[in-house]
């Protein structure tokens, strides 16, 4: 599909390089926070929350914008703005200031909130209906591959060359993303008379239970939204690379050895989410009903293996559990996106995906805040990750109820089934 579909290939490539930069940015921020005195789980958790709250505030207008203006233009403007903001973070070299850094982190996240709804809403316009599942699998696998590759390269760059080099790479990726987007056709959303309001989007969701429950899937997975925070704490603490014979030599040669363990755990997460979409696609056989049932199974799968991470004594033992746990997360992510792209009209897609992003970021922020407070209150990261994993049993149970209810009030018919 990438070889024969040039517009999609360019859209895909833009996201590819931008995602790599995102992971460079996160690991650079972890190191920068430590350098300017942002120690403790609450400092890191606060940074992650600041990355999520601006998108939550921006999503209502971001969805409306994505349904009213050319989506290509929106994405380019988002990339250009974020490149400028990241370069602004280099000012910490001259005047280290935690409040200024936090403001820039929030602004970067706010601008990013306009990119993703526009990109997801644009995908069905450049991909044939029969290729949407393929695009969804590739989309999730790419996020995962860039998590693994970006975290590995970003972690090594930060550990060996410092956070400054990692931030420069992040800014450069936004510029490369713009160059790819310039080659994507400009597609204007065709508006119907009286359309384009937020109220119209809300009314559509209320009238379609199958759709609004799919919108909440990523929010359900964000019950474990503190994953990034806790993996960071594990890598810096009980699963530090220096404590593991397999990684001790690599840590010994690093400028910042604590980044190595964090990087290994991030890469493990990326490997799991990279493999997951392909396994899920094979299991679903392209059938909508199978996709929706696999979402529920993915929650339970993640609960079991993430709870197991907390029982592992060293980094080497934890890695396979993190990998396997994220097979579940990838499945929920792919199939919720694919089903929404199959069901939602193009003129409403921006607002629907913005609502999905808003629900996801709200739960992510809440989860991160709760586990940050528990960590600073004395809970160890191994205990935290076990409790967080078991928390996924709640959305797993609710999804079973959802399947029974939605199949009764809104049964799948025709090609959807």
Protein backbone atom coordinates (compact mmCIF):
# COMPACT_ATOMS: atom_id res chain seq x y z
CA UNK A 1 0.00 0.00 0.00
CA UNK A 2 2.88 2.39 0.75
CA UNK A 3 4.41 1.68 -2.66
CA UNK A 4 1.26 2.29 -4.68
CA UNK A 5 -0.39 5.09 -2.65
CA UNK A 6 1.82 8.18 -2.84
CA UNK A 7 -0.42 10.58 -0.81
CA UNK A 8 -0.69 8.08 2.04
CA UNK A 9 3.04 7.35 1.87
CA UNK A 10 3.81 11.04 2.37
CA UNK A 11 1.29 11.37 5.19
CA UNK A 12 2.72 8.26 6.80
CA UNK A 13 6.33 9.46 6.41
CA UNK A 14 5.52 12.82 8.02
CA UNK A 15 4.18 11.08 11.10
CA UNK A 16 7.07 8.61 11.11
CA UNK A 17 9.77 11.23 11.61
CA UNK A 18 7.64 13.35 13.94
CA UNK A 19 7.06 10.38 16.23
CA UNK A 20 10.77 9.66 16.43
CA UNK A 21 11.33 13.23 17.54
CA UNK A 22 8.66 12.92 20.24
CA UNK A 23 10.64 10.19 21.99
CA UNK A 24 13.86 12.16 21.71
CA UNK A 25 11.97 15.02 23.35
CA UNK A 26 10.62 12.96 26.25
CA UNK A 27 13.96 11.46 27.22
CA UNK A 28 15.66 14.84 26.86
CA UNK A 29 13.07 16.34 29.21
CA UNK A 30 13.70 13.59 31.78
CA UNK A 31 17.42 14.46 31.79
CA UNK A 32 16.80 18.22 31.70
CA UNK A 33 14.41 18.05 34.64
CA UNK A 34 17.01 16.27 36.73
CA UNK A 35 19.62 18.88 35.78
CA UNK A 36 17.54 21.89 36.83
CA UNK A 37 16.29 20.35 40.06
CA UNK A 38 13.06 18.69 38.99
CA UNK A 39 13.56 15.57 41.08
CA UNK A 40 10.87 13.24 42.40
CA UNK A 41 7.92 11.49 40.81
CA UNK A 42 5.70 14.57 41.04
CA UNK A 43 8.09 16.66 38.93
CA UNK A 44 8.15 14.05 36.15
CA UNK A 45 4.46 13.31 36.57
CA UNK A 46 3.69 17.02 36.41
CA UNK A 47 5.57 17.26 33.13
CA UNK A 48 3.64 14.34 31.67
CA UNK A 49 0.37 15.90 32.85
CA UNK A 50 1.37 19.19 31.23
CA UNK A 51 1.85 17.24 28.00
CA UNK A 52 -1.74 15.98 28.28
CA UNK A 53 -3.83 18.83 29.75
CA UNK A 54 -3.33 21.32 26.88
CA UNK A 55 -4.58 18.75 24.32
CA UNK A 56 -7.56 18.15 26.59
CA UNK A 57 -8.38 21.86 26.53
CA UNK A 58 -7.66 22.14 22.81
CA UNK A 59 -9.60 19.11 21.54
CA UNK A 60 -13.04 20.75 21.20
CA UNK A 61 -11.69 23.49 18.95
CA UNK A 62 -9.15 21.14 17.31
CA UNK A 63 -11.92 18.81 16.16
CA UNK A 64 -13.99 21.72 14.84
CA UNK A 65 -10.93 23.12 13.01
CA UNK A 66 -10.20 19.70 11.46
CA UNK A 67 -13.74 19.57 10.05
CA UNK A 68 -13.75 23.15 8.74
CA UNK A 69 -10.28 23.80 7.27
CA UNK A 70 -7.81 21.92 5.04
CA UNK A 71 -6.29 19.21 7.22
CA UNK A 72 -2.94 19.41 5.46
CA UNK A 73 -2.61 23.09 6.38
CA UNK A 74 -3.48 22.34 10.00
CA UNK A 75 -0.78 19.68 10.28
CA UNK A 76 1.90 21.88 8.71
CA UNK A 77 1.06 24.78 11.04
CA UNK A 78 1.22 22.41 14.03
CA UNK A 79 4.66 21.11 12.99
CA UNK A 80 6.13 24.57 12.38
CA UNK A 81 4.88 25.85 15.72
CA UNK A 82 6.26 22.88 17.63
CA UNK A 83 9.68 23.19 15.99
CA UNK A 84 9.91 26.81 17.19
CA UNK A 85 8.82 25.85 20.71
CA UNK A 86 11.38 23.03 21.00
CA UNK A 87 14.16 25.37 19.88
CA UNK A 88 12.96 27.72 22.61
CA UNK A 89 13.71 25.01 25.18
CA UNK A 90 17.39 25.44 24.35
CA UNK A 91 17.13 28.69 26.30
CA UNK A 92 17.53 26.54 29.43
CA UNK A 93 21.26 26.63 28.66
CA UNK A 94 21.29 30.39 29.30
CA UNK A 95 18.58 30.75 31.94
CA UNK A 96 17.50 27.49 33.61
CA UNK A 97 13.93 27.91 34.79
CA UNK A 98 11.45 25.16 35.62
CA UNK A 99 8.35 27.41 35.13
CA UNK A 100 9.55 28.52 31.66
CA UNK A 101 10.29 24.92 30.68
CA UNK A 102 6.84 23.82 31.84
CA UNK A 103 5.20 26.62 29.84
CA UNK A 104 7.03 25.52 26.70
CA UNK A 105 6.11 21.86 27.29
CA UNK A 106 2.46 22.90 27.62
CA UNK A 107 2.60 25.02 24.43
CA UNK A 108 4.20 22.19 22.46
CA UNK A 109 1.46 19.82 23.58
CA UNK A 110 -1.27 22.37 22.77
CA UNK A 111 -0.03 22.77 19.20
CA UNK A 112 0.28 18.98 18.85
CA UNK A 113 -3.40 18.58 19.72
CA UNK A 114 -4.32 19.99 16.30
CA UNK A 115 -2.13 17.56 14.36
CA UNK A 116 -3.51 14.17 15.37
CA UNK A 117 -7.29 14.69 14.85
CA UNK A 118 -6.53 16.22 11.43
CA UNK A 119 -4.24 13.34 10.47
CA UNK A 120 -6.65 10.58 11.54
CA UNK A 121 -9.58 12.33 9.88
CA UNK A 122 -7.58 12.74 6.66
CA UNK A 123 -6.54 9.09 6.43
CA UNK A 124 -9.85 7.79 4.97
CA UNK A 125 -9.60 10.50 2.30
CA UNK A 126 -6.31 9.11 0.97
CA UNK A 127 -6.87 5.39 1.67
CA UNK A 128 -9.41 3.09 0.00
CA UNK A 129 -12.08 1.65 2.35
CA UNK A 130 -10.73 -1.88 1.94
CA UNK A 131 -7.28 -0.64 3.03
CA UNK A 132 -8.36 1.07 6.26
CA UNK A 133 -7.52 -1.92 8.47
CA UNK A 134 -4.10 -2.19 6.83
CA UNK A 135 -3.54 1.54 7.43
CA UNK A 136 -4.66 1.15 11.04
CA UNK A 137 -2.27 -1.73 11.67
CA UNK A 138 0.58 0.15 9.98
CA UNK A 139 -0.30 3.28 11.94
CA UNK A 140 -0.06 1.52 15.30
CA UNK A 141 3.00 -0.50 14.33
CA UNK A 142 4.75 2.70 13.26
CA UNK A 143 3.97 4.40 16.58
CA UNK A 144 5.44 1.37 18.30
CA UNK A 145 8.48 1.11 16.07
CA UNK A 146 9.25 4.77 16.64
CA UNK A 147 8.77 4.27 20.37
CA UNK A 148 11.35 1.48 20.25
CA UNK A 149 13.75 3.11 17.78
CA UNK A 150 13.18 6.69 18.94
CA UNK A 151 13.54 5.73 22.61
CA UNK A 152 16.70 3.73 21.85
CA UNK A 153 18.34 6.50 19.79
CA UNK A 154 16.97 9.26 22.01
CA UNK A 155 18.13 7.51 25.16
CA UNK A 156 21.62 6.90 23.81
CA UNK A 157 21.85 10.44 22.41
CA UNK A 158 20.75 11.92 25.75
CA UNK A 159 23.02 9.63 27.78
CA UNK A 160 26.10 10.13 25.61
CA UNK A 161 25.69 13.65 24.13
CA UNK A 162 23.27 15.34 26.51
CA UNK A 163 19.70 16.62 26.36
CA UNK A 164 20.72 19.52 24.10
CA UNK A 165 21.50 17.21 21.17
CA UNK A 166 18.23 15.30 21.66
CA UNK A 167 16.17 18.51 21.55
CA UNK A 168 17.88 19.64 18.34
CA UNK A 169 17.01 16.30 16.72
CA UNK A 170 13.39 16.74 17.88
CA UNK A 171 13.14 20.19 16.29
CA UNK A 172 14.65 18.87 13.04
CA UNK A 173 12.07 16.08 12.79
CA UNK A 174 9.23 18.61 12.69
CA UNK A 175 10.92 20.34 9.75
CA UNK A 176 11.29 17.03 7.88
CA UNK A 177 7.63 16.25 8.62
CA UNK A 178 6.61 19.53 6.97
CA UNK A 179 8.62 18.65 3.86
CA UNK A 180 6.70 15.38 3.52
CA UNK A 181 3.34 17.07 4.13
CA UNK A 182 3.97 19.59 1.36
CA UNK A 183 3.59 16.70 -1.12
CA UNK A 184 0.20 15.56 0.25
CA UNK A 185 -2.82 16.73 -1.81
CA UNK A 186 -4.89 19.52 -0.30
CA UNK A 187 -8.28 17.98 0.50
CA UNK A 188 -11.10 20.28 1.58
CA UNK A 189 -13.85 18.74 3.73
CA UNK A 190 -17.22 18.99 1.98
CA UNK A 191 -19.64 20.59 4.43
CA UNK A 192 -23.35 20.01 4.44
CA UNK A 193 -25.70 22.91 5.13
CA UNK A 194 -25.88 23.69 8.82
CA UNK A 195 -23.00 21.42 9.72
CA UNK A 196 -19.75 22.10 11.52
CA UNK A 197 -20.86 22.75 15.09
CA UNK A 198 -19.71 20.98 18.22
CA UNK A 199 -23.38 20.36 19.09
CA UNK A 200 -23.81 18.43 15.86
CA UNK A 201 -20.89 16.16 16.79
CA UNK A 202 -22.28 15.58 20.29
CA UNK A 203 -25.71 14.73 18.88
CA UNK A 204 -24.18 12.22 16.50
CA UNK A 205 -22.36 10.46 19.33
CA UNK A 206 -25.48 10.32 21.51
CA UNK A 207 -27.43 8.70 18.70
CA UNK A 208 -24.76 6.07 17.98
CA UNK A 209 -23.86 3.93 21.03
CA UNK A 210 -21.51 1.73 19.03
CA UNK A 211 -19.50 4.82 18.07
CA UNK A 212 -19.35 6.61 21.43
CA UNK A 213 -18.31 3.44 23.23
CA UNK A 214 -15.49 2.99 20.71
CA UNK A 215 -14.48 6.60 21.40
CA UNK A 216 -13.91 5.58 25.04
CA UNK A 217 -11.60 2.62 24.32
CA UNK A 218 -8.34 4.57 24.52
CA UNK A 219 -9.65 6.25 27.66
CA UNK A 220 -10.11 2.75 29.13
CA UNK A 221 -6.54 1.80 28.31
CA UNK A 222 -5.43 5.05 29.97
CA UNK A 223 -6.46 3.60 33.31
CA UNK A 224 -2.84 2.46 32.91
CA UNK A 225 -1.88 5.89 31.62
CA UNK A 226 0.90 6.25 34.18
CA UNK A 227 2.92 3.65 32.26
CA UNK A 228 5.53 6.16 31.08
CA UNK A 229 5.94 7.57 34.59
CA UNK A 230 6.26 4.19 36.30
CA UNK A 231 8.58 2.68 33.70
CA UNK A 232 10.80 5.73 34.18
CA UNK A 233 10.80 5.24 37.97
CA UNK A 234 11.54 1.53 37.55
CA UNK A 235 14.44 2.20 35.19
CA UNK A 236 15.93 4.80 37.52
CA UNK A 237 15.37 2.69 40.65
CA UNK A 238 14.84 -1.03 41.27
CA UNK A 239 15.45 -1.97 37.62
CA UNK A 240 18.48 0.30 37.16
CA UNK A 241 20.74 -0.96 34.37
CA UNK A 242 23.78 -1.07 36.66
CA UNK A 243 22.02 -3.75 38.77
CA UNK A 244 21.61 -6.07 35.78
CA UNK A 245 24.62 -8.06 34.46
CA UNK A 246 23.31 -7.85 30.90
CA UNK A 247 23.20 -4.03 30.81
CA UNK A 248 25.79 -3.03 33.43
CA UNK A 249 28.62 -2.56 30.91
CA UNK A 250 26.51 -0.24 28.72
CA UNK A 251 25.50 1.78 31.78
CA UNK A 252 29.11 2.08 32.91
CA UNK A 253 30.04 4.00 29.74
CA UNK A 254 27.10 6.41 29.84
CA UNK A 255 27.17 10.06 30.88
CA UNK A 256 23.84 9.44 32.63
CA UNK A 257 23.50 5.73 33.52
CA UNK A 258 19.93 6.08 34.80
CA UNK A 259 18.71 6.84 31.26
CA UNK A 260 19.84 3.40 30.04
CA UNK A 261 17.38 1.39 32.16
CA UNK A 262 14.56 3.78 31.24
CA UNK A 263 15.46 3.47 27.55
CA UNK A 264 15.44 -0.35 27.70
CA UNK A 265 11.95 -0.35 29.22
CA UNK A 266 10.66 2.17 26.66
CA UNK A 267 12.08 0.07 23.82
CA UNK A 268 10.43 -3.05 25.30
CA UNK A 269 7.12 -1.23 25.33
CA UNK A 270 7.65 -0.24 21.70
CA UNK A 271 8.46 -3.80 20.63
CA UNK A 272 5.24 -5.08 22.17
CA UNK A 273 3.08 -2.46 20.52
CA UNK A 274 4.88 -3.04 17.21
CA UNK A 275 4.11 -6.76 17.10
CA UNK A 276 0.61 -6.45 18.60
CA UNK A 277 -1.17 -4.93 15.56
CA UNK A 278 -0.03 -7.75 13.26
CA UNK A 279 -1.10 -10.46 15.72
CA UNK A 280 -4.42 -8.68 16.22
CA UNK A 281 -5.04 -8.35 12.49
CA UNK A 282 -4.40 -12.08 12.01
CA UNK A 283 -6.85 -12.90 14.81
CA UNK A 284 -9.57 -10.52 13.59
CA UNK A 285 -9.54 -11.74 9.96
CA UNK A 286 -10.94 -8.33 9.02
CA UNK A 287 -14.26 -9.00 10.78
CA UNK A 288 -15.74 -6.09 12.74
CA UNK A 289 -17.29 -8.30 15.41
CA UNK A 290 -13.95 -10.00 16.08
CA UNK A 291 -12.22 -6.62 16.27
CA UNK A 292 -14.60 -5.40 18.94
CA UNK A 293 -14.36 -8.55 21.07
CA UNK A 294 -10.56 -8.49 20.86
CA UNK A 295 -10.60 -5.02 22.41
CA UNK A 296 -12.03 -6.50 25.62
CA UNK A 297 -9.54 -9.36 25.62
CA UNK A 298 -6.68 -6.88 25.18
CA UNK A 299 -7.57 -5.13 28.46
CA UNK A 300 -7.43 -8.39 30.42
CA UNK A 301 -4.19 -9.40 28.68
CA UNK A 302 -2.52 -6.12 29.63
CA UNK A 303 -3.74 -6.44 33.22
CA UNK A 304 -2.15 -9.85 33.71
CA UNK A 305 1.27 -9.08 32.25
CA UNK A 306 1.65 -5.58 33.68
CA UNK A 307 0.86 -6.92 37.13
CA UNK A 308 3.65 -9.43 36.51
CA UNK A 309 6.23 -6.70 35.80
CA UNK A 310 6.10 -5.67 39.44
CA UNK A 311 7.24 -9.14 40.54
CA UNK A 312 10.39 -9.20 38.39
CA UNK A 313 13.75 -8.87 40.22
CA UNK A 314 15.89 -7.36 37.44
CA UNK A 315 15.64 -5.41 34.20
CA UNK A 316 16.26 -8.51 32.05
CA UNK A 317 13.37 -10.35 33.69
CA UNK A 318 11.01 -7.40 33.34
CA UNK A 319 11.61 -6.81 29.63
CA UNK A 320 9.58 -9.76 28.25
CA UNK A 321 6.62 -8.93 30.52
CA UNK A 322 6.57 -5.33 29.29
CA UNK A 323 6.77 -6.51 25.67
CA UNK A 324 3.91 -8.99 26.03
CA UNK A 325 1.71 -6.61 28.07
CA UNK A 326 1.71 -4.13 25.21
CA UNK A 327 0.42 -6.65 22.70
CA UNK A 328 -2.89 -5.87 24.41
CA UNK A 329 -2.52 -2.11 24.28
CA UNK A 330 -1.75 -2.18 20.57
CA UNK A 331 -4.84 -4.27 19.86
CA UNK A 332 -7.17 -1.86 21.65
CA UNK A 333 -5.58 1.13 19.95
CA UNK A 334 -5.70 -0.26 16.40
CA UNK A 335 -9.20 -1.67 16.40
CA UNK A 336 -10.84 1.33 18.08
CA UNK A 337 -9.30 3.60 15.43
CA UNK A 338 -10.15 1.33 12.49
CA UNK A 339 -13.75 0.86 13.59
CA UNK A 340 -14.28 4.60 14.01
CA UNK A 341 -12.83 5.28 10.55
CA UNK A 342 -15.21 2.67 9.14
CA UNK A 343 -18.30 4.01 10.90
CA UNK A 344 -18.02 7.82 11.15
CA UNK A 345 -18.96 10.15 8.23
CA UNK A 346 -16.04 12.20 6.91
CA UNK A 347 -17.66 15.55 7.78
CA UNK A 348 -17.81 14.52 11.47
CA UNK A 349 -14.58 12.60 11.76
CA UNK A 350 -12.41 15.44 13.06
CA UNK A 351 -14.77 16.14 15.96
CA UNK A 352 -15.16 12.47 16.81
CA UNK A 353 -11.40 11.88 16.91
CA UNK A 354 -10.95 15.07 18.92
CA UNK A 355 -13.49 13.75 21.45
CA UNK A 356 -11.56 10.48 21.58
CA UNK A 357 -8.29 12.35 22.18
CA UNK A 358 -9.93 14.44 24.89
CA UNK A 359 -11.24 11.41 26.76
CA UNK A 360 -7.89 9.66 26.45
CA UNK A 361 -5.87 12.63 27.71
CA UNK A 362 -8.23 13.27 30.63
CA UNK A 363 -7.77 9.73 31.94
CA UNK A 364 -4.03 9.84 31.18
CA UNK A 365 -3.64 13.00 33.26
CA UNK A 366 -5.74 11.60 36.12
CA UNK A 367 -3.82 8.31 36.16
CA UNK A 368 -0.46 10.06 36.08
CA UNK A 369 -1.46 12.46 38.88
CA UNK A 370 -2.69 9.65 41.13
CA UNK A 371 0.37 7.45 40.69
CA UNK A 372 2.75 10.41 41.03
CA UNK A 373 1.18 11.26 44.38
CA UNK A 374 1.31 7.62 45.51
CA UNK A 375 4.97 7.41 44.53
CA UNK A 376 5.91 10.56 46.46
CA UNK A 377 3.80 9.16 49.31
CA UNK A 378 6.08 6.14 49.65
CA UNK A 379 4.73 3.54 47.20
CA UNK A 380 7.53 1.81 45.32
CA UNK A 381 7.40 1.59 41.51
CA UNK A 382 7.03 -2.21 41.56
CA UNK A 383 3.95 -1.94 43.74
CA UNK A 384 2.61 0.87 41.57
CA UNK A 385 2.89 -1.06 38.31
CA UNK A 386 1.19 -4.12 39.81
CA UNK A 387 -1.76 -2.07 41.04
CA UNK A 388 -1.93 -0.16 37.76
CA UNK A 389 -1.98 -3.38 35.76
CA UNK A 390 -4.78 -4.87 37.83
CA UNK A 391 -6.74 -1.67 37.26
CA UNK A 392 -7.18 -2.69 33.61
CA UNK A 393 -9.57 -5.39 34.77
CA UNK A 394 -12.20 -2.66 35.22
CA UNK A 395 -12.40 -1.61 31.53
CA UNK A 396 -12.14 -5.31 30.59
CA UNK A 397 -15.29 -6.05 32.59
CA UNK A 398 -17.11 -2.97 31.30
CA UNK A 399 -16.31 -3.91 27.70
CA UNK A 400 -18.00 -7.31 28.09
CA UNK A 401 -21.15 -5.51 29.27
CA UNK A 402 -20.80 -3.08 26.38
CA UNK A 403 -20.61 -5.86 23.81
CA UNK A 404 -23.81 -7.48 25.02
CA UNK A 405 -25.68 -4.17 25.22
CA UNK A 406 -24.50 -2.64 21.92
CA UNK A 407 -25.08 -5.85 19.96
CA UNK A 408 -28.66 -5.75 21.17
CA UNK A 409 -29.44 -2.04 20.52
CA UNK A 410 -27.26 -1.59 17.41
CA UNK A 411 -26.56 -4.94 15.75
CA UNK A 412 -23.92 -5.21 13.04
CA UNK A 413 -25.37 -5.85 9.62
CA UNK A 414 -24.10 -6.33 6.07
CA UNK A 415 -20.40 -5.75 5.37
CA UNK A 416 -19.82 -4.33 8.88
CA UNK A 417 -20.18 -7.78 10.40
